N, C-alpha and C. Protein backbone atom coordinates (compact mmCIF):
# COMPACT_ATOMS: atom_id res chain seq x y z
N MET A 1 55.30 35.41 138.97
CA MET A 1 55.52 35.75 137.58
C MET A 1 56.03 34.51 136.85
N SER A 2 55.50 34.26 135.70
CA SER A 2 55.92 33.09 134.93
C SER A 2 57.01 33.45 133.93
N VAL A 3 57.66 32.39 133.43
CA VAL A 3 58.72 32.53 132.46
C VAL A 3 58.29 31.83 131.18
N ARG A 4 58.41 32.49 130.05
CA ARG A 4 58.09 31.87 128.76
C ARG A 4 59.30 31.05 128.34
N VAL A 5 59.07 29.76 128.11
CA VAL A 5 60.13 28.86 127.65
C VAL A 5 59.75 28.27 126.30
N TYR A 6 60.77 27.83 125.60
CA TYR A 6 60.59 27.25 124.27
C TYR A 6 61.23 25.86 124.32
N LEU A 7 60.40 24.85 124.18
CA LEU A 7 60.81 23.46 124.34
C LEU A 7 60.95 22.78 122.98
N PRO A 8 62.08 22.13 122.74
CA PRO A 8 62.31 21.48 121.45
C PRO A 8 61.68 20.10 121.37
N LEU A 9 60.83 19.89 120.37
CA LEU A 9 60.20 18.59 120.11
C LEU A 9 60.25 18.32 118.62
N VAL A 10 59.73 17.17 118.25
CA VAL A 10 59.48 16.83 116.85
C VAL A 10 58.05 16.34 116.75
N MET A 11 57.55 16.23 115.54
CA MET A 11 56.15 15.86 115.33
C MET A 11 55.75 14.58 116.06
N SER A 12 56.63 13.57 116.05
CA SER A 12 56.28 12.30 116.69
C SER A 12 56.17 12.40 118.21
N ASP A 13 56.71 13.46 118.82
CA ASP A 13 56.59 13.67 120.26
C ASP A 13 55.19 14.14 120.66
N LEU A 14 54.45 14.69 119.72
CA LEU A 14 53.17 15.32 120.05
C LEU A 14 52.12 14.32 120.51
N ALA A 15 52.19 13.07 120.05
CA ALA A 15 51.25 12.06 120.52
C ALA A 15 51.41 11.83 122.01
N ALA A 16 52.64 11.85 122.52
CA ALA A 16 52.87 11.68 123.95
C ALA A 16 52.33 12.87 124.74
N VAL A 17 52.46 14.06 124.18
CA VAL A 17 51.90 15.25 124.82
C VAL A 17 50.38 15.11 124.91
N GLN A 18 49.76 14.67 123.83
CA GLN A 18 48.31 14.49 123.79
C GLN A 18 47.86 13.44 124.80
N THR A 19 48.55 12.31 124.84
CA THR A 19 48.16 11.19 125.71
C THR A 19 48.38 11.50 127.19
N SER A 20 49.55 12.05 127.50
CA SER A 20 49.90 12.28 128.91
C SER A 20 49.43 13.62 129.45
N GLY A 21 49.17 14.55 128.54
CA GLY A 21 48.78 15.88 128.97
C GLY A 21 49.94 16.71 129.47
N ALA A 22 51.18 16.29 129.08
CA ALA A 22 52.37 17.01 129.52
C ALA A 22 53.47 16.87 128.47
N VAL A 23 54.41 17.81 128.50
CA VAL A 23 55.57 17.74 127.62
C VAL A 23 56.49 16.65 128.16
N PRO A 24 57.04 15.79 127.30
CA PRO A 24 57.91 14.71 127.78
C PRO A 24 59.08 15.23 128.61
N LEU A 25 59.42 14.48 129.65
CA LEU A 25 60.50 14.88 130.55
C LEU A 25 61.80 15.14 129.80
N SER A 26 62.12 14.32 128.81
CA SER A 26 63.38 14.49 128.09
C SER A 26 63.47 15.84 127.40
N ALA A 27 62.36 16.42 127.02
CA ALA A 27 62.36 17.73 126.36
C ALA A 27 62.48 18.86 127.36
N ARG A 28 62.23 18.59 128.64
CA ARG A 28 62.28 19.66 129.64
C ARG A 28 63.67 19.84 130.23
N ARG A 29 64.54 18.90 130.04
CA ARG A 29 65.86 19.01 130.68
C ARG A 29 66.59 20.26 130.19
N THR A 30 66.56 20.52 128.92
CA THR A 30 67.15 21.74 128.37
C THR A 30 66.12 22.41 127.51
N ALA A 31 65.75 23.59 127.90
CA ALA A 31 64.80 24.40 127.13
C ALA A 31 65.49 25.71 126.80
N HIS A 32 64.77 26.58 126.16
CA HIS A 32 65.33 27.87 125.78
C HIS A 32 64.40 28.97 126.24
N ALA A 33 65.01 30.08 126.60
CA ALA A 33 64.26 31.24 127.08
C ALA A 33 65.16 32.46 126.98
N VAL A 34 64.59 33.61 127.17
CA VAL A 34 65.37 34.84 127.25
C VAL A 34 65.84 34.96 128.69
N THR A 35 67.13 34.84 128.90
CA THR A 35 67.69 34.90 130.25
C THR A 35 68.11 36.32 130.60
N ALA A 36 68.41 36.53 131.86
CA ALA A 36 68.90 37.84 132.30
C ALA A 36 70.19 38.21 131.56
N GLY A 37 71.04 37.21 131.35
CA GLY A 37 72.28 37.44 130.60
C GLY A 37 72.03 37.86 129.17
N ASP A 38 71.02 37.24 128.55
CA ASP A 38 70.68 37.60 127.17
C ASP A 38 70.21 39.05 127.09
N ARG A 39 69.41 39.46 128.06
CA ARG A 39 68.94 40.85 128.07
C ARG A 39 70.11 41.82 128.27
N ALA A 40 71.05 41.44 129.13
CA ALA A 40 72.21 42.29 129.38
C ALA A 40 73.12 42.38 128.15
N ASP A 41 73.22 41.27 127.41
CA ASP A 41 74.07 41.24 126.21
C ASP A 41 73.44 41.96 125.02
N HIS A 42 72.14 42.21 125.08
CA HIS A 42 71.42 42.85 123.98
C HIS A 42 70.60 44.03 124.52
N PRO A 43 71.26 45.03 125.09
CA PRO A 43 70.51 46.16 125.67
C PRO A 43 69.71 46.89 124.60
N GLY A 44 68.50 47.23 124.96
CA GLY A 44 67.65 47.97 124.03
C GLY A 44 66.97 47.12 122.99
N GLU A 45 67.29 45.83 122.96
CA GLU A 45 66.67 44.92 121.98
C GLU A 45 65.21 44.70 122.35
N ASP A 46 64.36 44.68 121.37
CA ASP A 46 62.94 44.45 121.56
C ASP A 46 62.70 43.05 122.13
N GLU A 47 61.79 42.93 123.08
CA GLU A 47 61.49 41.64 123.72
C GLU A 47 61.05 40.60 122.69
N GLU A 48 60.28 41.01 121.71
CA GLU A 48 59.85 40.07 120.66
C GLU A 48 61.03 39.50 119.89
N ASP A 49 62.01 40.34 119.61
CA ASP A 49 63.21 39.86 118.90
C ASP A 49 64.00 38.88 119.76
N LEU A 50 64.09 39.17 121.05
CA LEU A 50 64.78 38.25 121.97
C LEU A 50 64.05 36.91 122.03
N GLU A 51 62.74 36.94 122.11
CA GLU A 51 61.96 35.70 122.16
C GLU A 51 62.09 34.92 120.85
N PHE A 52 62.18 35.63 119.74
CA PHE A 52 62.37 34.96 118.46
C PHE A 52 63.71 34.21 118.44
N GLU A 53 64.74 34.82 118.99
CA GLU A 53 66.05 34.15 119.06
C GLU A 53 65.97 32.90 119.94
N ALA A 54 65.27 32.97 121.05
CA ALA A 54 65.10 31.79 121.91
C ALA A 54 64.33 30.70 121.17
N THR A 55 63.35 31.08 120.38
CA THR A 55 62.60 30.12 119.56
C THR A 55 63.51 29.45 118.55
N CYS A 56 64.37 30.23 117.91
CA CYS A 56 65.32 29.68 116.92
C CYS A 56 66.28 28.70 117.59
N GLN A 57 66.73 29.03 118.79
CA GLN A 57 67.62 28.12 119.52
C GLN A 57 66.91 26.80 119.80
N ALA A 58 65.65 26.87 120.18
CA ALA A 58 64.87 25.65 120.44
C ALA A 58 64.66 24.85 119.17
N LEU A 59 64.42 25.53 118.06
CA LEU A 59 64.23 24.84 116.79
C LEU A 59 65.49 24.06 116.42
N ASP A 60 66.65 24.68 116.59
CA ASP A 60 67.90 23.97 116.31
C ASP A 60 68.09 22.78 117.25
N SER A 61 67.75 22.95 118.52
CA SER A 61 67.88 21.85 119.49
C SER A 61 66.96 20.69 119.15
N ALA A 62 65.82 20.98 118.54
CA ALA A 62 64.87 19.93 118.19
C ALA A 62 65.42 18.95 117.17
N ALA A 63 66.41 19.36 116.40
CA ALA A 63 66.99 18.48 115.38
C ALA A 63 67.56 17.21 116.00
N ASP A 64 68.05 17.29 117.22
CA ASP A 64 68.60 16.11 117.90
C ASP A 64 67.54 15.08 118.25
N ARG A 65 66.28 15.46 118.21
CA ARG A 65 65.19 14.55 118.57
C ARG A 65 64.62 13.82 117.35
N ARG A 66 65.04 14.21 116.17
CA ARG A 66 64.48 13.59 114.95
C ARG A 66 64.71 12.08 114.95
N ARG A 67 63.65 11.35 114.61
CA ARG A 67 63.73 9.90 114.50
C ARG A 67 63.96 9.48 113.05
N THR A 68 63.58 10.36 112.13
CA THR A 68 63.84 10.15 110.71
C THR A 68 64.42 11.45 110.16
N LYS A 69 65.14 11.35 109.07
CA LYS A 69 65.81 12.51 108.50
C LYS A 69 64.84 13.65 108.17
N GLY A 70 63.66 13.32 107.69
CA GLY A 70 62.73 14.35 107.25
C GLY A 70 61.72 14.78 108.29
N GLU A 71 61.82 14.29 109.52
CA GLU A 71 60.82 14.65 110.53
C GLU A 71 60.85 16.14 110.83
N ARG A 72 59.66 16.72 110.91
CA ARG A 72 59.54 18.16 111.15
C ARG A 72 59.77 18.47 112.62
N ARG A 73 60.49 19.57 112.85
CA ARG A 73 60.76 20.03 114.21
C ARG A 73 59.60 20.88 114.73
N VAL A 74 59.44 20.86 116.05
CA VAL A 74 58.37 21.60 116.72
C VAL A 74 58.97 22.35 117.90
N VAL A 75 58.52 23.57 118.10
CA VAL A 75 58.87 24.32 119.30
C VAL A 75 57.58 24.54 120.07
N VAL A 76 57.60 24.14 121.34
CA VAL A 76 56.44 24.34 122.22
C VAL A 76 56.72 25.56 123.08
N ALA A 77 55.86 26.55 123.00
CA ALA A 77 55.97 27.73 123.86
C ALA A 77 55.07 27.50 125.07
N ALA A 78 55.66 27.66 126.25
CA ALA A 78 54.90 27.43 127.49
C ALA A 78 55.30 28.45 128.53
N ASP A 79 54.40 28.71 129.46
CA ASP A 79 54.68 29.59 130.58
C ASP A 79 54.83 28.73 131.83
N VAL A 80 56.00 28.79 132.45
CA VAL A 80 56.28 27.97 133.63
C VAL A 80 56.60 28.87 134.82
N ALA A 81 56.51 28.29 136.01
CA ALA A 81 56.70 29.08 137.24
C ALA A 81 58.15 29.52 137.42
N SER A 82 59.10 28.63 137.11
CA SER A 82 60.50 29.00 137.30
C SER A 82 61.41 28.14 136.45
N VAL A 83 62.62 28.64 136.25
CA VAL A 83 63.65 27.92 135.50
C VAL A 83 64.98 28.14 136.19
N VAL A 84 65.94 27.30 135.84
CA VAL A 84 67.31 27.50 136.27
C VAL A 84 68.09 27.92 135.03
N GLU A 85 68.64 29.13 135.05
CA GLU A 85 69.36 29.62 133.89
C GLU A 85 70.69 28.89 133.75
N GLN A 86 71.04 28.56 132.52
CA GLN A 86 72.30 27.89 132.21
C GLN A 86 73.16 28.85 131.41
N ASP A 87 73.35 28.57 130.14
CA ASP A 87 74.13 29.42 129.25
C ASP A 87 73.18 30.37 128.52
N ALA A 88 73.74 31.09 127.55
CA ALA A 88 72.92 31.99 126.74
C ALA A 88 71.75 31.23 126.12
N TRP A 89 70.59 31.77 126.28
CA TRP A 89 69.34 31.27 125.70
C TRP A 89 68.93 29.90 126.25
N THR A 90 69.63 29.37 127.24
CA THR A 90 69.39 28.00 127.70
C THR A 90 69.00 27.98 129.18
N VAL A 91 67.96 27.22 129.47
CA VAL A 91 67.47 27.06 130.84
C VAL A 91 67.12 25.60 131.07
N VAL A 92 66.95 25.24 132.33
CA VAL A 92 66.44 23.93 132.70
C VAL A 92 65.09 24.14 133.36
N VAL A 93 64.10 23.41 132.90
CA VAL A 93 62.77 23.45 133.50
C VAL A 93 62.67 22.21 134.38
N GLU A 94 62.60 22.41 135.69
CA GLU A 94 62.64 21.29 136.61
C GLU A 94 61.27 20.70 136.92
N ALA A 95 60.24 21.49 136.83
CA ALA A 95 58.89 21.00 137.14
C ALA A 95 58.20 20.51 135.87
N PRO A 96 57.24 19.63 136.01
CA PRO A 96 56.49 19.17 134.83
C PRO A 96 55.84 20.34 134.09
N VAL A 97 55.79 20.22 132.78
CA VAL A 97 55.13 21.22 131.94
C VAL A 97 53.84 20.59 131.44
N ALA A 98 52.75 20.95 132.08
CA ALA A 98 51.45 20.40 131.72
C ALA A 98 50.94 21.05 130.44
N LEU A 99 50.08 20.36 129.76
CA LEU A 99 49.48 20.90 128.55
C LEU A 99 48.78 22.23 128.85
N SER A 100 48.28 22.38 130.05
CA SER A 100 47.63 23.65 130.43
C SER A 100 48.62 24.81 130.52
N ASP A 101 49.93 24.51 130.59
CA ASP A 101 50.96 25.55 130.60
C ASP A 101 51.38 25.96 129.19
N VAL A 102 51.01 25.15 128.21
CA VAL A 102 51.42 25.39 126.82
C VAL A 102 50.57 26.51 126.22
N VAL A 103 51.25 27.41 125.54
CA VAL A 103 50.59 28.55 124.91
C VAL A 103 50.37 28.29 123.42
N SER A 104 51.41 27.71 122.78
CA SER A 104 51.32 27.49 121.33
C SER A 104 52.37 26.48 120.89
N PHE A 105 52.16 26.01 119.65
CA PHE A 105 53.11 25.12 118.99
C PHE A 105 53.60 25.83 117.73
N HIS A 106 54.88 25.70 117.45
CA HIS A 106 55.47 26.29 116.25
C HIS A 106 56.14 25.16 115.48
N VAL A 107 55.64 24.89 114.28
CA VAL A 107 56.06 23.72 113.50
C VAL A 107 56.73 24.20 112.23
N GLU A 108 57.89 23.59 111.93
CA GLU A 108 58.56 23.99 110.69
C GLU A 108 57.72 23.55 109.50
N GLU A 109 57.67 24.41 108.53
CA GLU A 109 56.81 24.19 107.37
C GLU A 109 57.32 23.07 106.48
N SER A 110 58.62 23.01 106.27
CA SER A 110 59.20 22.01 105.36
C SER A 110 59.79 20.86 106.15
N THR A 111 59.86 19.69 105.53
CA THR A 111 60.46 18.54 106.17
C THR A 111 61.97 18.55 105.97
N GLY A 112 62.68 18.07 106.99
CA GLY A 112 64.12 17.91 106.87
C GLY A 112 64.92 19.18 106.74
N THR A 113 64.41 20.29 107.22
CA THR A 113 65.15 21.55 107.14
C THR A 113 66.42 21.45 107.97
N ALA A 114 67.51 21.96 107.46
CA ALA A 114 68.81 21.88 108.13
C ALA A 114 68.90 22.88 109.28
N LEU A 115 69.88 22.62 110.15
CA LEU A 115 70.15 23.57 111.23
C LEU A 115 70.45 24.93 110.62
N GLY A 116 69.97 25.97 111.31
CA GLY A 116 70.21 27.31 110.82
C GLY A 116 69.22 27.77 109.77
N GLU A 117 68.24 26.92 109.45
CA GLU A 117 67.23 27.26 108.45
C GLU A 117 65.84 27.05 109.02
N GLY A 118 64.84 27.61 108.33
CA GLY A 118 63.45 27.38 108.68
C GLY A 118 62.88 28.32 109.72
N TYR A 119 63.66 29.25 110.21
CA TYR A 119 63.18 30.14 111.27
C TYR A 119 62.00 31.00 110.83
N ASP A 120 62.06 31.49 109.61
CA ASP A 120 61.02 32.40 109.14
C ASP A 120 59.81 31.67 108.57
N ASP A 121 59.87 30.34 108.54
CA ASP A 121 58.78 29.56 107.97
C ASP A 121 58.05 28.72 109.01
N LEU A 122 58.10 29.12 110.26
CA LEU A 122 57.41 28.37 111.30
C LEU A 122 55.90 28.62 111.22
N LEU A 123 55.16 27.54 111.30
CA LEU A 123 53.70 27.62 111.31
C LEU A 123 53.23 27.67 112.76
N TRP A 124 52.34 28.58 113.09
CA TRP A 124 51.86 28.77 114.45
C TRP A 124 50.55 28.01 114.64
N TYR A 125 50.46 27.25 115.75
CA TYR A 125 49.24 26.52 116.09
C TYR A 125 48.88 26.84 117.54
N ASP A 126 47.61 27.09 117.77
CA ASP A 126 47.10 27.27 119.12
C ASP A 126 47.14 25.92 119.82
N VAL A 127 47.22 25.94 121.14
CA VAL A 127 47.26 24.70 121.92
C VAL A 127 46.01 23.84 121.66
N THR A 128 44.90 24.47 121.32
CA THR A 128 43.66 23.72 121.05
C THR A 128 43.74 22.92 119.75
N GLU A 129 44.78 23.15 118.95
CA GLU A 129 44.94 22.43 117.70
C GLU A 129 45.87 21.21 117.79
N LEU A 130 46.17 20.78 119.01
CA LEU A 130 47.06 19.64 119.21
C LEU A 130 46.53 18.39 118.52
N ASP A 131 45.24 18.11 118.62
CA ASP A 131 44.68 16.91 117.97
C ASP A 131 44.95 16.93 116.46
N GLN A 132 44.80 18.09 115.86
CA GLN A 132 45.07 18.23 114.41
C GLN A 132 46.53 17.93 114.11
N LEU A 133 47.44 18.43 114.94
CA LEU A 133 48.86 18.18 114.72
C LEU A 133 49.22 16.71 114.88
N VAL A 134 48.64 16.06 115.87
CA VAL A 134 48.91 14.62 116.08
C VAL A 134 48.40 13.83 114.89
N ALA A 135 47.23 14.17 114.39
CA ALA A 135 46.68 13.48 113.22
C ALA A 135 47.59 13.70 111.99
N GLU A 136 48.10 14.91 111.86
CA GLU A 136 48.97 15.24 110.74
C GLU A 136 50.30 14.46 110.83
N ALA A 137 50.76 14.26 112.07
CA ALA A 137 52.02 13.53 112.27
C ALA A 137 51.86 12.06 111.91
N GLY A 138 50.61 11.59 111.96
CA GLY A 138 50.28 10.23 111.52
C GLY A 138 50.78 9.20 112.42
């Protein structure tokens, strides 16, 4: 059974994903997912709502990767074989995350959005649209 993880990136990271065919190692050290603890802390919560919270956590984490103030944050959703659970919403992905493991990209619509904002304005891209995103990142 695979685990859905949410990896924090920024637009400029996508060229490396395209070239190498994998998510950069630095982005895999801390990822976000719905952990067993999160499910226990939110009994009865819809799985989609839990996954949305994990996505929001990844979006906030992506801010640390910005190379310029206005760089757009990206969340990569991927299915991996296993993770090591850390704190709430936080996991470590120890194995490489190949592009073939990626399900989708979620890109903030506006540039330079502050922490705690932009969650409802994420643009969804299929993994097959990576070339378009890299071109857009310039």
